[in-house]
């Protein structure tokens, strides 16, 4: 067994926080950021018990500008 570091992308949707792990593709939610990340950790560990870690490249996380109508 090994301990690996994964990325958590968290966004608020209504009253819930949704957390996603882009390296694995797992998603979970919680009423707080901490709970959403904790649930994501659990979901990711359960997923990886059954499935191998995908052989994908480390995600690139960046920002960009886009024009929107206010």
C-alpha atoms as a PDB file:
ATOM      1  CA  UNK A   1       0.000   0.000   0.000  1.00  0.00           C
ATOM      2  CA  UNK A   2       1.102   3.546  -0.690  1.00  0.00           C
ATOM      3  CA  UNK A   3      -0.197   6.961   0.239  1.00  0.00           C
ATOM      4  CA  UNK A   4      -0.706   9.266  -2.754  1.00  0.00           C
ATOM      5  CA  UNK A   5      -1.780  12.892  -2.942  1.00  0.00           C
ATOM      6  CA  UNK A   6      -4.839  13.726  -5.031  1.00  0.00           C
ATOM      7  CA  UNK A   7      -6.546  16.964  -6.056  1.00  0.00           C
ATOM      8  CA  UNK A   8      -9.958  17.996  -4.720  1.00  0.00           C
ATOM      9  CA  UNK A   9     -11.942  20.562  -6.711  1.00  0.00           C
ATOM     10  CA  UNK A  10     -14.762  21.894  -4.536  1.00  0.00           C
ATOM     11  CA  UNK A  11     -17.706  24.036  -5.600  1.00  0.00           C
ATOM     12  CA  UNK A  12     -20.921  25.075  -3.887  1.00  0.00           C
ATOM     13  CA  UNK A  13     -24.183  23.885  -5.404  1.00  0.00           C
ATOM     14  CA  UNK A  14     -27.167  25.179  -3.493  1.00  0.00           C
ATOM     15  CA  UNK A  15     -26.777  24.133   0.154  1.00  0.00           C
ATOM     16  CA  UNK A  16     -24.180  21.454  -0.649  1.00  0.00           C
ATOM     17  CA  UNK A  17     -20.485  21.442  -1.421  1.00  0.00           C
ATOM     18  CA  UNK A  18     -19.513  19.102  -4.251  1.00  0.00           C
ATOM     19  CA  UNK A  19     -15.950  17.750  -4.328  1.00  0.00           C
ATOM     20  CA  UNK A  20     -14.377  16.070  -7.355  1.00  0.00           C
ATOM     21  CA  UNK A  21     -11.069  14.253  -7.780  1.00  0.00           C
ATOM     22  CA  UNK A  22      -9.962  14.878 -11.395  1.00  0.00           C
ATOM     23  CA  UNK A  23      -7.200  12.249 -11.292  1.00  0.00           C
ATOM     24  CA  UNK A  24      -9.627   9.412 -10.520  1.00  0.00           C
ATOM     25  CA  UNK A  25     -13.022  10.816 -11.535  1.00  0.00           C
ATOM     26  CA  UNK A  26     -14.690  10.320  -8.152  1.00  0.00           C
ATOM     27  CA  UNK A  27     -17.232  12.851  -6.872  1.00  0.00           C
ATOM     28  CA  UNK A  28     -18.919  13.331  -3.505  1.00  0.00           C
ATOM     29  CA  UNK A  29     -20.705  16.004  -1.508  1.00  0.00           C
ATOM     30  CA  UNK A  30     -21.197  17.354   1.993  1.00  0.00           C
ATOM     31  CA  UNK A  31     -22.814  20.192   3.906  1.00  0.00           C
ATOM     32  CA  UNK A  32     -19.365  21.705   4.597  1.00  0.00           C
ATOM     33  CA  UNK A  33     -16.150  21.846   2.577  1.00  0.00           C
ATOM     34  CA  UNK A  34     -14.472  19.591   5.127  1.00  0.00           C
ATOM     35  CA  UNK A  35     -17.285  17.014   4.979  1.00  0.00           C
ATOM     36  CA  UNK A  36     -17.307  17.058   1.160  1.00  0.00           C
ATOM     37  CA  UNK A  37     -13.541  16.434   1.063  1.00  0.00           C
ATOM     38  CA  UNK A  38     -13.810  13.716   3.720  1.00  0.00           C
ATOM     39  CA  UNK A  39     -16.567  12.008   1.726  1.00  0.00           C
ATOM     40  CA  UNK A  40     -14.475  12.360  -1.447  1.00  0.00           C
ATOM     41  CA  UNK A  41     -11.499  10.730   0.289  1.00  0.00           C
ATOM     42  CA  UNK A  42     -13.695   7.812   1.373  1.00  0.00           C
ATOM     43  CA  UNK A  43     -15.253   7.451  -2.105  1.00  0.00           C
ATOM     44  CA  UNK A  44     -11.822   7.555  -3.753  1.00  0.00           C
ATOM     45  CA  UNK A  45     -10.362   4.944  -1.402  1.00  0.00           C
ATOM     46  CA  UNK A  46     -13.343   2.636  -1.962  1.00  0.00           C
ATOM     47  CA  UNK A  47     -13.057   3.082  -5.728  1.00  0.00           C
ATOM     48  CA  UNK A  48      -9.332   2.338  -5.685  1.00  0.00           C
ATOM     49  CA  UNK A  49      -9.911  -0.857  -3.658  1.00  0.00           C
ATOM     50  CA  UNK A  50     -11.712  -2.271  -6.705  1.00  0.00           C
ATOM     51  CA  UNK A  51     -10.129  -0.422  -9.625  1.00  0.00           C
ATOM     52  CA  UNK A  52      -6.570   0.470 -10.540  1.00  0.00           C
ATOM     53  CA  UNK A  53      -5.420   4.056 -10.481  1.00  0.00           C
ATOM     54  CA  UNK A  54      -5.952   5.415 -14.011  1.00  0.00           C
ATOM     55  CA  UNK A  55      -2.751   5.822 -16.049  1.00  0.00           C
ATOM     56  CA  UNK A  56      -3.604   9.388 -16.980  1.00  0.00           C
ATOM     57  CA  UNK A  57      -1.448  12.454 -16.899  1.00  0.00           C
ATOM     58  CA  UNK A  58      -1.528  14.712 -13.850  1.00  0.00           C
ATOM     59  CA  UNK A  59      -4.283  17.297 -14.473  1.00  0.00           C
ATOM     60  CA  UNK A  60      -3.275  20.833 -15.305  1.00  0.00           C
ATOM     61  CA  UNK A  61      -5.208  23.292 -13.193  1.00  0.00           C
ATOM     62  CA  UNK A  62      -5.161  26.844 -14.476  1.00  0.00           C
ATOM     63  CA  UNK A  63      -7.431  29.852 -14.922  1.00  0.00           C
ATOM     64  CA  UNK A  64      -8.639  31.673 -18.019  1.00  0.00           C
ATOM     65  CA  UNK A  65     -10.712  34.754 -18.807  1.00  0.00           C
ATOM     66  CA  UNK A  66     -14.038  34.616 -20.665  1.00  0.00           C
ATOM     67  CA  UNK A  67     -16.533  37.311 -21.591  1.00  0.00           C
ATOM     68  CA  UNK A  68     -19.943  36.860 -19.948  1.00  0.00           C
ATOM     69  CA  UNK A  69     -23.203  38.794 -19.965  1.00  0.00           C
ATOM     70  CA  UNK A  70     -24.044  40.309 -16.576  1.00  0.00           C
END
